[in-house]
Amino acid sequence: MTPATTAQDTVAAALEAAAGLMAAGMPELAVQGLQTLVDQQRDAYVAWLALGSARELSGDAHGALAAYFQAVTREQRAGQWLDAATTPRTL
């Protein structure tokens, strides 16, 4: 198993746990886990998006906006979301 795969597995497991916590009505606990994740995996934009959602569900609108901004900024640095050609289409 490569380090990249391990990091992806860690992110995936944390996102799954956070989704379960949010679905169970415990977004504050999801925020804690996701904050730890983004502290360790700064470039995991999906984790930043999930953190924004958890903060929003917790009533922290400012914190949610900051997390969403981090997600977009980090993906733009990686070459995504710069224009229509690099932005994935929604179904």
N, C-alpha and C. Protein backbone atom coordinates (compact mmCIF):
# COMPACT_ATOMS: atom_id res chain seq x y z
N MET A 1 0.85 -1.18 0.00
CA MET A 1 0.00 0.00 0.00
C MET A 1 0.90 1.24 0.00
N THR A 2 0.63 2.17 -0.89
CA THR A 2 1.45 3.37 -1.00
C THR A 2 0.97 4.42 0.00
N PRO A 3 1.84 5.38 0.34
CA PRO A 3 1.43 6.45 1.26
C PRO A 3 0.21 7.23 0.74
N ALA A 4 0.13 7.44 -0.58
CA ALA A 4 -1.01 8.16 -1.14
C ALA A 4 -2.31 7.38 -0.91
N THR A 5 -2.25 6.07 -1.09
CA THR A 5 -3.43 5.24 -0.86
C THR A 5 -3.83 5.28 0.60
N THR A 6 -2.88 5.23 1.49
CA THR A 6 -3.17 5.30 2.92
C THR A 6 -3.83 6.63 3.26
N ALA A 7 -3.33 7.72 2.71
CA ALA A 7 -3.91 9.03 2.97
C ALA A 7 -5.33 9.09 2.42
N GLN A 8 -5.55 8.55 1.23
CA GLN A 8 -6.89 8.53 0.64
C GLN A 8 -7.84 7.69 1.49
N ASP A 9 -7.34 6.57 2.00
CA ASP A 9 -8.17 5.72 2.85
C ASP A 9 -8.52 6.44 4.15
N THR A 10 -7.57 7.17 4.70
CA THR A 10 -7.81 7.92 5.93
C THR A 10 -8.88 8.97 5.70
N VAL A 11 -8.76 9.70 4.61
CA VAL A 11 -9.74 10.74 4.28
C VAL A 11 -11.11 10.10 4.07
N ALA A 12 -11.17 9.01 3.32
CA ALA A 12 -12.45 8.35 3.04
C ALA A 12 -13.11 7.86 4.33
N ALA A 13 -12.34 7.27 5.21
CA ALA A 13 -12.89 6.77 6.48
C ALA A 13 -13.40 7.91 7.35
N ALA A 14 -12.65 9.00 7.41
CA ALA A 14 -13.07 10.15 8.21
C ALA A 14 -14.32 10.80 7.64
N LEU A 15 -14.42 10.87 6.32
CA LEU A 15 -15.61 11.44 5.68
C LEU A 15 -16.83 10.58 5.94
N GLU A 16 -16.64 9.26 5.90
CA GLU A 16 -17.76 8.36 6.17
C GLU A 16 -18.24 8.50 7.61
N ALA A 17 -17.29 8.59 8.54
CA ALA A 17 -17.65 8.76 9.95
C ALA A 17 -18.37 10.09 10.16
N ALA A 18 -17.88 11.14 9.53
CA ALA A 18 -18.49 12.46 9.68
C ALA A 18 -19.91 12.48 9.10
N ALA A 19 -20.09 11.83 7.96
CA ALA A 19 -21.42 11.76 7.36
C ALA A 19 -22.40 11.05 8.29
N GLY A 20 -21.94 9.98 8.92
CA GLY A 20 -22.78 9.27 9.89
C GLY A 20 -23.15 10.13 11.08
N LEU A 21 -22.18 10.88 11.59
CA LEU A 21 -22.44 11.76 12.72
C LEU A 21 -23.43 12.87 12.35
N MET A 22 -23.26 13.43 11.16
CA MET A 22 -24.18 14.49 10.72
C MET A 22 -25.59 13.93 10.54
N ALA A 23 -25.69 12.74 9.96
CA ALA A 23 -26.99 12.10 9.75
C ALA A 23 -27.66 11.77 11.08
N ALA A 24 -26.85 11.50 12.10
CA ALA A 24 -27.38 11.18 13.43
C ALA A 24 -27.68 12.43 14.26
N GLY A 25 -27.49 13.60 13.66
CA GLY A 25 -27.80 14.84 14.36
C GLY A 25 -26.70 15.30 15.30
N MET A 26 -25.47 14.87 15.04
CA MET A 26 -24.34 15.26 15.89
C MET A 26 -23.25 15.97 15.07
N PRO A 27 -23.61 17.09 14.42
CA PRO A 27 -22.62 17.75 13.57
C PRO A 27 -21.43 18.31 14.34
N GLU A 28 -21.61 18.62 15.62
CA GLU A 28 -20.50 19.15 16.41
C GLU A 28 -19.37 18.12 16.51
N LEU A 29 -19.74 16.85 16.68
CA LEU A 29 -18.73 15.79 16.72
C LEU A 29 -18.07 15.61 15.36
N ALA A 30 -18.87 15.77 14.30
CA ALA A 30 -18.32 15.69 12.95
C ALA A 30 -17.31 16.81 12.73
N VAL A 31 -17.62 18.01 13.23
CA VAL A 31 -16.70 19.14 13.10
C VAL A 31 -15.36 18.80 13.74
N GLN A 32 -15.39 18.21 14.92
CA GLN A 32 -14.14 17.87 15.62
C GLN A 32 -13.29 16.92 14.80
N GLY A 33 -13.90 15.86 14.29
CA GLY A 33 -13.16 14.89 13.51
C GLY A 33 -12.64 15.46 12.20
N LEU A 34 -13.47 16.26 11.54
CA LEU A 34 -13.07 16.85 10.27
C LEU A 34 -11.99 17.90 10.45
N GLN A 35 -12.06 18.64 11.55
CA GLN A 35 -11.01 19.64 11.81
C GLN A 35 -9.67 18.94 12.00
N THR A 36 -9.67 17.84 12.72
CA THR A 36 -8.44 17.06 12.89
C THR A 36 -7.94 16.57 11.53
N LEU A 37 -8.87 16.12 10.69
CA LEU A 37 -8.49 15.62 9.37
C LEU A 37 -7.85 16.72 8.53
N VAL A 38 -8.47 17.90 8.46
CA VAL A 38 -7.90 18.95 7.61
C VAL A 38 -6.61 19.51 8.20
N ASP A 39 -6.44 19.39 9.51
CA ASP A 39 -5.16 19.78 10.11
C ASP A 39 -4.04 18.86 9.64
N GLN A 40 -4.38 17.60 9.40
CA GLN A 40 -3.39 16.61 8.96
C GLN A 40 -3.28 16.50 7.44
N GLN A 41 -4.38 16.71 6.75
CA GLN A 41 -4.45 16.58 5.29
C GLN A 41 -4.93 17.91 4.70
N ARG A 42 -4.07 18.90 4.73
CA ARG A 42 -4.45 20.27 4.36
C ARG A 42 -5.01 20.39 2.94
N ASP A 43 -4.59 19.53 2.03
CA ASP A 43 -5.02 19.64 0.64
C ASP A 43 -6.24 18.79 0.29
N ALA A 44 -6.84 18.14 1.26
CA ALA A 44 -8.00 17.29 1.01
C ALA A 44 -9.25 18.17 0.89
N TYR A 45 -9.50 18.68 -0.33
CA TYR A 45 -10.58 19.65 -0.50
C TYR A 45 -11.94 19.07 -0.13
N VAL A 46 -12.16 17.78 -0.35
CA VAL A 46 -13.44 17.17 0.00
C VAL A 46 -13.66 17.23 1.51
N ALA A 47 -12.58 17.08 2.27
CA ALA A 47 -12.69 17.19 3.73
C ALA A 47 -13.06 18.62 4.13
N TRP A 48 -12.49 19.60 3.43
CA TRP A 48 -12.85 21.00 3.70
C TRP A 48 -14.33 21.23 3.40
N LEU A 49 -14.83 20.65 2.29
CA LEU A 49 -16.25 20.80 1.96
C LEU A 49 -17.14 20.16 3.04
N ALA A 50 -16.74 18.98 3.49
CA ALA A 50 -17.51 18.31 4.54
C ALA A 50 -17.46 19.11 5.84
N LEU A 51 -16.30 19.69 6.14
CA LEU A 51 -16.18 20.53 7.34
C LEU A 51 -17.12 21.72 7.23
N GLY A 52 -17.21 22.31 6.04
CA GLY A 52 -18.14 23.42 5.84
C GLY A 52 -19.57 22.99 6.10
N SER A 53 -19.95 21.84 5.60
CA SER A 53 -21.31 21.33 5.82
C SER A 53 -21.58 21.08 7.30
N ALA A 54 -20.62 20.47 7.98
CA ALA A 54 -20.79 20.18 9.41
C ALA A 54 -20.89 21.46 10.22
N ARG A 55 -20.06 22.43 9.89
CA ARG A 55 -20.13 23.72 10.59
C ARG A 55 -21.47 24.40 10.33
N GLU A 56 -21.93 24.32 9.10
CA GLU A 56 -23.22 24.92 8.76
C GLU A 56 -24.35 24.27 9.56
N LEU A 57 -24.34 22.94 9.64
CA LEU A 57 -25.35 22.23 10.42
C LEU A 57 -25.25 22.55 11.91
N SER A 58 -24.05 22.92 12.37
CA SER A 58 -23.85 23.28 13.77
C SER A 58 -24.26 24.72 14.06
N GLY A 59 -24.60 25.46 13.00
CA GLY A 59 -25.01 26.85 13.19
C GLY A 59 -23.87 27.84 13.08
N ASP A 60 -22.71 27.39 12.64
CA ASP A 60 -21.53 28.25 12.50
C ASP A 60 -21.39 28.68 11.04
N ALA A 61 -22.18 29.69 10.65
CA ALA A 61 -22.19 30.13 9.26
C ALA A 61 -20.84 30.70 8.83
N HIS A 62 -20.22 31.47 9.69
CA HIS A 62 -18.91 32.07 9.35
C HIS A 62 -17.85 30.98 9.18
N GLY A 63 -17.82 30.03 10.10
CA GLY A 63 -16.88 28.91 10.01
C GLY A 63 -17.12 28.06 8.78
N ALA A 64 -18.39 27.88 8.42
CA ALA A 64 -18.73 27.11 7.22
C ALA A 64 -18.20 27.82 5.98
N LEU A 65 -18.42 29.12 5.90
CA LEU A 65 -17.94 29.88 4.75
C LEU A 65 -16.42 29.80 4.65
N ALA A 66 -15.73 29.89 5.78
CA ALA A 66 -14.26 29.80 5.78
C ALA A 66 -13.80 28.44 5.27
N ALA A 67 -14.48 27.37 5.67
CA ALA A 67 -14.11 26.03 5.21
C ALA A 67 -14.39 25.86 3.72
N TYR A 68 -15.53 26.36 3.25
CA TYR A 68 -15.83 26.29 1.82
C TYR A 68 -14.78 27.05 1.02
N PHE A 69 -14.39 28.22 1.51
CA PHE A 69 -13.36 29.02 0.84
C PHE A 69 -12.05 28.24 0.75
N GLN A 70 -11.68 27.57 1.84
CA GLN A 70 -10.45 26.76 1.83
C GLN A 70 -10.54 25.66 0.77
N ALA A 71 -11.70 25.02 0.66
CA ALA A 71 -11.86 23.95 -0.32
C ALA A 71 -11.64 24.46 -1.74
N VAL A 72 -12.29 25.56 -2.07
CA VAL A 72 -12.18 26.10 -3.42
C VAL A 72 -10.76 26.59 -3.69
N THR A 73 -10.19 27.29 -2.73
CA THR A 73 -8.84 27.83 -2.90
C THR A 73 -7.82 26.71 -3.11
N ARG A 74 -7.90 25.66 -2.32
CA ARG A 74 -6.94 24.56 -2.43
C ARG A 74 -7.08 23.81 -3.75
N GLU A 75 -8.30 23.65 -4.23
CA GLU A 75 -8.48 22.97 -5.51
C GLU A 75 -8.06 23.86 -6.67
N GLN A 76 -8.27 25.15 -6.55
CA GLN A 76 -7.79 26.05 -7.60
C GLN A 76 -6.27 25.99 -7.71
N ARG A 77 -5.59 25.93 -6.57
CA ARG A 77 -4.14 25.80 -6.59
C ARG A 77 -3.70 24.51 -7.26
N ALA A 78 -4.55 23.49 -7.17
CA ALA A 78 -4.24 22.20 -7.79
C ALA A 78 -4.69 22.17 -9.26
N GLY A 79 -5.25 23.28 -9.75
CA GLY A 79 -5.63 23.35 -11.15
C GLY A 79 -7.09 23.08 -11.44
N GLN A 80 -7.91 22.94 -10.43
CA GLN A 80 -9.34 22.69 -10.62
C GLN A 80 -10.14 23.97 -10.40
N TRP A 81 -11.35 23.98 -10.91
CA TRP A 81 -12.33 25.06 -10.69
C TRP A 81 -11.81 26.42 -11.14
N LEU A 82 -10.97 26.43 -12.15
CA LEU A 82 -10.46 27.69 -12.65
C LEU A 82 -11.35 28.27 -13.75
N ASP A 83 -11.95 27.38 -14.53
CA ASP A 83 -12.83 27.83 -15.60
C ASP A 83 -13.76 26.68 -15.98
N ALA A 84 -14.62 26.92 -16.95
CA ALA A 84 -15.59 25.91 -17.34
C ALA A 84 -14.93 24.63 -17.85
N ALA A 85 -13.75 24.75 -18.43
CA ALA A 85 -13.07 23.58 -18.98
C ALA A 85 -12.56 22.64 -17.89
N THR A 86 -12.26 23.16 -16.71
CA THR A 86 -11.72 22.32 -15.63
C THR A 86 -12.73 22.04 -14.52
N THR A 87 -13.91 22.59 -14.63
CA THR A 87 -14.94 22.38 -13.61
C THR A 87 -15.79 21.19 -13.99
N PRO A 88 -15.90 20.19 -13.11
CA PRO A 88 -16.73 19.03 -13.42
C PRO A 88 -18.20 19.44 -13.59
N ARG A 89 -18.86 18.83 -14.52
CA ARG A 89 -20.29 19.10 -14.72
C ARG A 89 -21.10 18.29 -13.71
N THR A 90 -22.17 18.89 -13.21
CA THR A 90 -23.07 18.16 -12.32
C THR A 90 -24.06 17.36 -13.15
N LEU A 91 -24.54 16.30 -12.58
CA LEU A 91 -25.51 15.45 -13.28
C LEU A 91 -26.90 15.98 -13.11
